[in-house]
Amino acid sequence: MTRKNPSLTEPQFFILAALMDGPLHGYGIIKAAETATDGRLRIAVGTLYGALERMERAGLVAADREEMVDGRARRYYRLTEDGTELLGQEALRMQQAAAFVIGRSRNRGVAEA
């Protein structure tokens, strides 16, 4: 994520999108991503925490707070300014790519999905 204009993986995109409304803990992020994709994307716990660690190092997310729940620490993550900016750039990139494909499909007589 240190490239000039990095692309996000689908899980990374939806992890950042899940944090748009405020800090969430891991399970909350997983459920928000699943809901946003109508169940199509199910992020495994190992995938989530690996992605969060990399995105935290890249400055896209930050630990917000920790609380104890049933004797276990629950860490909440929040979107940073850089994360918000990259998420917006990625959404625009995907929108432009989709518009290109949809436009070509219409010109070729292919039905829209």
N, C-alpha and C. Protein backbone atom coordinates (compact mmCIF):
# COMPACT_ATOMS: atom_id res chain seq x y z
N MET A 1 0.81 -1.20 0.00
CA MET A 1 0.00 0.00 0.00
C MET A 1 0.85 1.26 0.00
N THR A 2 2.10 1.06 -0.27
CA THR A 2 2.98 2.21 -0.31
C THR A 2 3.15 2.73 -1.73
N ARG A 3 2.52 2.05 -2.71
CA ARG A 3 2.57 2.54 -4.08
C ARG A 3 1.82 3.85 -4.18
N LYS A 4 2.11 4.60 -5.27
CA LYS A 4 1.51 5.92 -5.42
C LYS A 4 -0.03 5.85 -5.46
N ASN A 5 -0.59 5.01 -6.31
CA ASN A 5 -2.03 4.86 -6.42
C ASN A 5 -2.39 3.39 -6.26
N PRO A 6 -2.35 2.88 -5.05
CA PRO A 6 -2.59 1.46 -4.86
C PRO A 6 -4.05 1.09 -5.08
N SER A 7 -4.25 -0.12 -5.56
CA SER A 7 -5.59 -0.68 -5.64
C SER A 7 -5.79 -1.53 -4.39
N LEU A 8 -7.00 -1.54 -3.92
CA LEU A 8 -7.33 -2.35 -2.75
C LEU A 8 -7.88 -3.68 -3.20
N THR A 9 -7.61 -4.72 -2.42
CA THR A 9 -8.30 -5.98 -2.67
C THR A 9 -9.75 -5.80 -2.25
N GLU A 10 -10.60 -6.71 -2.67
CA GLU A 10 -12.01 -6.60 -2.30
C GLU A 10 -12.20 -6.64 -0.77
N PRO A 11 -11.55 -7.57 -0.05
CA PRO A 11 -11.69 -7.54 1.41
C PRO A 11 -11.20 -6.22 2.01
N GLN A 12 -10.07 -5.70 1.54
CA GLN A 12 -9.56 -4.43 2.06
C GLN A 12 -10.56 -3.31 1.81
N PHE A 13 -11.13 -3.27 0.61
CA PHE A 13 -12.11 -2.25 0.27
C PHE A 13 -13.29 -2.28 1.25
N PHE A 14 -13.83 -3.46 1.48
CA PHE A 14 -15.00 -3.55 2.34
C PHE A 14 -14.66 -3.42 3.83
N ILE A 15 -13.43 -3.72 4.21
CA ILE A 15 -13.00 -3.44 5.59
C ILE A 15 -12.99 -1.93 5.81
N LEU A 16 -12.39 -1.19 4.88
CA LEU A 16 -12.36 0.27 5.02
C LEU A 16 -13.77 0.84 4.95
N ALA A 17 -14.59 0.31 4.03
CA ALA A 17 -15.96 0.80 3.91
C ALA A 17 -16.76 0.56 5.19
N ALA A 18 -16.50 -0.55 5.85
CA ALA A 18 -17.20 -0.86 7.10
C ALA A 18 -16.91 0.18 8.17
N LEU A 19 -15.75 0.80 8.09
CA LEU A 19 -15.34 1.76 9.12
C LEU A 19 -15.78 3.19 8.81
N MET A 20 -16.49 3.40 7.71
CA MET A 20 -16.92 4.75 7.33
C MET A 20 -17.85 5.38 8.37
N ASP A 21 -18.66 4.58 9.02
CA ASP A 21 -19.62 5.12 9.99
C ASP A 21 -19.07 5.22 11.40
N GLY A 22 -17.83 4.82 11.59
CA GLY A 22 -17.22 4.92 12.91
C GLY A 22 -16.49 3.65 13.28
N PRO A 23 -15.80 3.68 14.41
CA PRO A 23 -14.99 2.54 14.84
C PRO A 23 -15.81 1.26 15.03
N LEU A 24 -15.19 0.15 14.68
CA LEU A 24 -15.78 -1.17 14.88
C LEU A 24 -14.70 -2.14 15.35
N HIS A 25 -15.14 -3.19 16.04
CA HIS A 25 -14.23 -4.27 16.41
C HIS A 25 -14.25 -5.30 15.28
N GLY A 26 -13.38 -6.28 15.35
CA GLY A 26 -13.22 -7.25 14.27
C GLY A 26 -14.51 -7.92 13.82
N TYR A 27 -15.28 -8.46 14.76
CA TYR A 27 -16.52 -9.14 14.39
C TYR A 27 -17.49 -8.16 13.73
N GLY A 28 -17.53 -6.93 14.22
CA GLY A 28 -18.38 -5.90 13.63
C GLY A 28 -17.99 -5.60 12.19
N ILE A 29 -16.69 -5.59 11.92
CA ILE A 29 -16.19 -5.35 10.56
C ILE A 29 -16.60 -6.51 9.65
N ILE A 30 -16.42 -7.72 10.13
CA ILE A 30 -16.79 -8.91 9.35
C ILE A 30 -18.27 -8.87 9.00
N LYS A 31 -19.12 -8.59 9.97
CA LYS A 31 -20.57 -8.57 9.74
C LYS A 31 -20.96 -7.42 8.80
N ALA A 32 -20.34 -6.25 8.96
CA ALA A 32 -20.66 -5.11 8.10
C ALA A 32 -20.29 -5.41 6.65
N ALA A 33 -19.14 -6.04 6.43
CA ALA A 33 -18.72 -6.39 5.06
C ALA A 33 -19.67 -7.43 4.47
N GLU A 34 -20.06 -8.38 5.27
CA GLU A 34 -20.98 -9.42 4.80
C GLU A 34 -22.34 -8.80 4.43
N THR A 35 -22.82 -7.89 5.26
CA THR A 35 -24.09 -7.22 5.00
C THR A 35 -24.00 -6.36 3.73
N ALA A 36 -22.90 -5.63 3.58
CA ALA A 36 -22.73 -4.73 2.43
C ALA A 36 -22.70 -5.49 1.11
N THR A 37 -22.29 -6.75 1.15
CA THR A 37 -22.19 -7.55 -0.07
C THR A 37 -23.29 -8.60 -0.15
N ASP A 38 -24.32 -8.44 0.64
CA ASP A 38 -25.43 -9.41 0.67
C ASP A 38 -24.93 -10.83 0.89
N GLY A 39 -23.92 -10.98 1.74
CA GLY A 39 -23.40 -12.28 2.09
C GLY A 39 -22.39 -12.87 1.12
N ARG A 40 -22.12 -12.18 0.02
CA ARG A 40 -21.18 -12.70 -0.98
C ARG A 40 -19.75 -12.74 -0.46
N LEU A 41 -19.37 -11.74 0.33
CA LEU A 41 -18.01 -11.67 0.86
C LEU A 41 -18.03 -12.04 2.34
N ARG A 42 -17.34 -13.12 2.66
CA ARG A 42 -17.20 -13.53 4.05
C ARG A 42 -15.71 -13.51 4.38
N ILE A 43 -15.33 -12.56 5.19
CA ILE A 43 -13.92 -12.38 5.52
C ILE A 43 -13.58 -13.28 6.70
N ALA A 44 -12.61 -14.15 6.50
CA ALA A 44 -12.14 -15.03 7.58
C ALA A 44 -11.39 -14.20 8.62
N VAL A 45 -11.42 -14.66 9.85
CA VAL A 45 -10.78 -13.93 10.94
C VAL A 45 -9.30 -13.69 10.66
N GLY A 46 -8.60 -14.71 10.20
CA GLY A 46 -7.17 -14.55 9.89
C GLY A 46 -6.93 -13.54 8.79
N THR A 47 -7.77 -13.55 7.78
CA THR A 47 -7.67 -12.58 6.69
C THR A 47 -7.90 -11.18 7.22
N LEU A 48 -8.93 -11.03 8.06
CA LEU A 48 -9.26 -9.71 8.62
C LEU A 48 -8.10 -9.12 9.40
N TYR A 49 -7.58 -9.88 10.36
CA TYR A 49 -6.54 -9.30 11.21
C TYR A 49 -5.22 -9.11 10.48
N GLY A 50 -4.93 -9.95 9.49
CA GLY A 50 -3.75 -9.71 8.65
C GLY A 50 -3.90 -8.43 7.85
N ALA A 51 -5.09 -8.24 7.28
CA ALA A 51 -5.36 -7.02 6.50
C ALA A 51 -5.33 -5.78 7.39
N LEU A 52 -5.95 -5.88 8.57
CA LEU A 52 -5.95 -4.73 9.48
C LEU A 52 -4.53 -4.36 9.89
N GLU A 53 -3.70 -5.36 10.14
CA GLU A 53 -2.31 -5.09 10.52
C GLU A 53 -1.56 -4.36 9.41
N ARG A 54 -1.73 -4.85 8.17
CA ARG A 54 -1.07 -4.20 7.04
C ARG A 54 -1.61 -2.79 6.81
N MET A 55 -2.92 -2.63 6.92
CA MET A 55 -3.51 -1.31 6.70
C MET A 55 -3.16 -0.35 7.83
N GLU A 56 -2.97 -0.88 9.03
CA GLU A 56 -2.54 -0.02 10.14
C GLU A 56 -1.11 0.46 9.90
N ARG A 57 -0.24 -0.43 9.44
CA ARG A 57 1.15 -0.03 9.12
C ARG A 57 1.18 0.99 7.99
N ALA A 58 0.24 0.88 7.05
CA ALA A 58 0.17 1.81 5.91
C ALA A 58 -0.52 3.11 6.28
N GLY A 59 -1.07 3.20 7.48
CA GLY A 59 -1.71 4.44 7.92
C GLY A 59 -3.15 4.61 7.45
N LEU A 60 -3.78 3.51 7.01
CA LEU A 60 -5.15 3.59 6.51
C LEU A 60 -6.18 3.40 7.62
N VAL A 61 -5.83 2.64 8.64
CA VAL A 61 -6.68 2.46 9.82
C VAL A 61 -5.81 2.65 11.05
N ALA A 62 -6.46 2.90 12.17
CA ALA A 62 -5.75 3.04 13.44
C ALA A 62 -6.57 2.39 14.53
N ALA A 63 -5.88 1.88 15.53
CA ALA A 63 -6.58 1.36 16.70
C ALA A 63 -7.25 2.54 17.38
N ASP A 64 -8.51 2.38 17.71
CA ASP A 64 -9.28 3.46 18.33
C ASP A 64 -9.32 3.32 19.84
N ARG A 65 -9.64 2.10 20.29
CA ARG A 65 -9.70 1.83 21.74
C ARG A 65 -9.80 0.32 21.93
N GLU A 66 -9.62 -0.08 23.18
CA GLU A 66 -9.82 -1.48 23.56
C GLU A 66 -10.74 -1.52 24.75
N GLU A 67 -11.53 -2.59 24.82
CA GLU A 67 -12.38 -2.80 25.98
C GLU A 67 -12.36 -4.28 26.31
N MET A 68 -12.65 -4.60 27.53
CA MET A 68 -12.70 -5.99 27.96
C MET A 68 -14.14 -6.48 27.88
N VAL A 69 -14.33 -7.61 27.20
CA VAL A 69 -15.64 -8.23 27.07
C VAL A 69 -15.47 -9.71 27.39
N ASP A 70 -16.15 -10.15 28.44
CA ASP A 70 -16.03 -11.55 28.88
C ASP A 70 -14.58 -11.96 29.10
N GLY A 71 -13.80 -11.06 29.67
CA GLY A 71 -12.41 -11.34 29.99
C GLY A 71 -11.46 -11.30 28.80
N ARG A 72 -11.96 -10.88 27.65
CA ARG A 72 -11.11 -10.81 26.45
C ARG A 72 -11.06 -9.37 25.96
N ALA A 73 -9.88 -8.98 25.49
CA ALA A 73 -9.73 -7.63 24.95
C ALA A 73 -10.39 -7.55 23.58
N ARG A 74 -11.14 -6.50 23.37
CA ARG A 74 -11.78 -6.24 22.07
C ARG A 74 -11.23 -4.91 21.57
N ARG A 75 -10.52 -4.96 20.44
CA ARG A 75 -9.92 -3.75 19.88
C ARG A 75 -10.83 -3.19 18.79
N TYR A 76 -11.03 -1.90 18.85
CA TYR A 76 -11.81 -1.19 17.84
C TYR A 76 -10.85 -0.46 16.91
N TYR A 77 -11.20 -0.44 15.63
CA TYR A 77 -10.40 0.23 14.62
C TYR A 77 -11.21 1.36 14.01
N ARG A 78 -10.49 2.39 13.57
CA ARG A 78 -11.15 3.51 12.91
C ARG A 78 -10.41 3.81 11.62
N LEU A 79 -11.12 4.45 10.71
CA LEU A 79 -10.58 4.87 9.43
C LEU A 79 -9.77 6.14 9.65
N THR A 80 -8.60 6.23 9.03
CA THR A 80 -7.81 7.45 9.12
C THR A 80 -8.14 8.34 7.92
N GLU A 81 -7.60 9.53 7.93
CA GLU A 81 -7.79 10.45 6.80
C GLU A 81 -7.24 9.84 5.52
N ASP A 82 -6.06 9.21 5.60
CA ASP A 82 -5.47 8.56 4.42
C ASP A 82 -6.35 7.40 3.95
N GLY A 83 -6.91 6.66 4.89
CA GLY A 83 -7.79 5.56 4.54
C GLY A 83 -9.05 6.04 3.86
N THR A 84 -9.61 7.13 4.36
CA THR A 84 -10.81 7.72 3.75
C THR A 84 -10.51 8.18 2.33
N GLU A 85 -9.36 8.81 2.15
CA GLU A 85 -8.97 9.30 0.82
C GLU A 85 -8.78 8.15 -0.16
N LEU A 86 -8.06 7.11 0.27
CA LEU A 86 -7.81 5.97 -0.60
C LEU A 86 -9.11 5.24 -0.93
N LEU A 87 -9.99 5.10 0.03
CA LEU A 87 -11.28 4.44 -0.21
C LEU A 87 -12.07 5.20 -1.27
N GLY A 88 -12.09 6.51 -1.18
CA GLY A 88 -12.80 7.32 -2.18
C GLY A 88 -12.17 7.19 -3.56
N GLN A 89 -10.85 7.19 -3.62
CA GLN A 89 -10.15 7.02 -4.91
C GLN A 89 -10.46 5.67 -5.53
N GLU A 90 -10.47 4.66 -4.68
CA GLU A 90 -10.73 3.31 -5.17
C GLU A 90 -12.18 3.17 -5.65
N ALA A 91 -13.11 3.77 -4.95
CA ALA A 91 -14.52 3.73 -5.36
C ALA A 91 -14.69 4.42 -6.71
N LEU A 92 -14.02 5.54 -6.90
CA LEU A 92 -14.08 6.25 -8.18
C LEU A 92 -13.45 5.43 -9.29
N ARG A 93 -12.32 4.80 -9.02
CA ARG A 93 -11.65 3.95 -10.01
C ARG A 93 -12.58 2.81 -10.44
N MET A 94 -13.22 2.18 -9.47
CA MET A 94 -14.12 1.07 -9.78
C MET A 94 -15.35 1.56 -10.55
N GLN A 95 -15.85 2.73 -10.21
CA GLN A 95 -17.00 3.30 -10.91
C GLN A 95 -16.64 3.57 -12.38
N GLN A 96 -15.47 4.14 -12.60
CA GLN A 96 -15.03 4.43 -13.96
C GLN A 96 -14.83 3.14 -14.76
N ALA A 97 -14.26 2.12 -14.13
CA ALA A 97 -14.05 0.84 -14.80
C ALA A 97 -15.39 0.21 -15.16
N ALA A 98 -16.34 0.25 -14.23
CA ALA A 98 -17.66 -0.32 -14.49
C ALA A 98 -18.38 0.44 -15.60
N ALA A 99 -18.28 1.75 -15.61
CA ALA A 99 -18.92 2.55 -16.64
C ALA A 99 -18.36 2.21 -18.01
N PHE A 100 -17.07 1.98 -18.09
CA PHE A 100 -16.44 1.61 -19.36
C PHE A 100 -17.00 0.29 -19.87
N VAL A 101 -17.05 -0.70 -19.00
CA VAL A 101 -17.53 -2.02 -19.40
C VAL A 101 -19.01 -1.98 -19.76
N ILE A 102 -19.81 -1.30 -18.96
CA ILE A 102 -21.24 -1.20 -19.24
C ILE A 102 -21.47 -0.47 -20.56
N GLY A 103 -20.74 0.59 -20.81
CA GLY A 103 -20.85 1.32 -22.06
C GLY A 103 -20.49 0.46 -23.26
N ARG A 104 -19.44 -0.32 -23.15
CA ARG A 104 -19.05 -1.22 -24.25
C ARG A 104 -20.07 -2.31 -24.44
N SER A 105 -20.63 -2.81 -23.34
CA SER A 105 -21.64 -3.86 -23.44
C SER A 105 -22.87 -3.37 -24.18
N ARG A 106 -23.27 -2.15 -23.90
CA ARG A 106 -24.44 -1.57 -24.58
C ARG A 106 -24.18 -1.43 -26.07
N ASN A 107 -22.98 -1.00 -26.40
CA ASN A 107 -22.63 -0.82 -27.82
C ASN A 107 -22.56 -2.13 -28.58
N ARG A 108 -22.36 -3.22 -27.90
CA ARG A 108 -22.23 -4.52 -28.55
C ARG A 108 -23.55 -5.29 -28.48
N GLY A 109 -24.57 -4.70 -27.88
CA GLY A 109 -25.85 -5.38 -27.80
C GLY A 109 -25.94 -6.41 -26.69
N VAL A 110 -25.01 -6.35 -25.75
CA VAL A 110 -25.02 -7.28 -24.63
C VAL A 110 -25.95 -6.73 -23.57
N ALA A 111 -26.80 -7.55 -23.03
CA ALA A 111 -27.75 -7.12 -22.00
C ALA A 111 -27.02 -6.74 -20.74
N GLU A 112 -27.55 -5.73 -20.04
CA GLU A 112 -26.99 -5.32 -18.76
C GLU A 112 -27.27 -6.38 -17.72
N ALA A 113 -26.40 -6.47 -16.76
CA ALA A 113 -26.59 -7.42 -15.66
C ALA A 113 -27.58 -6.90 -14.67
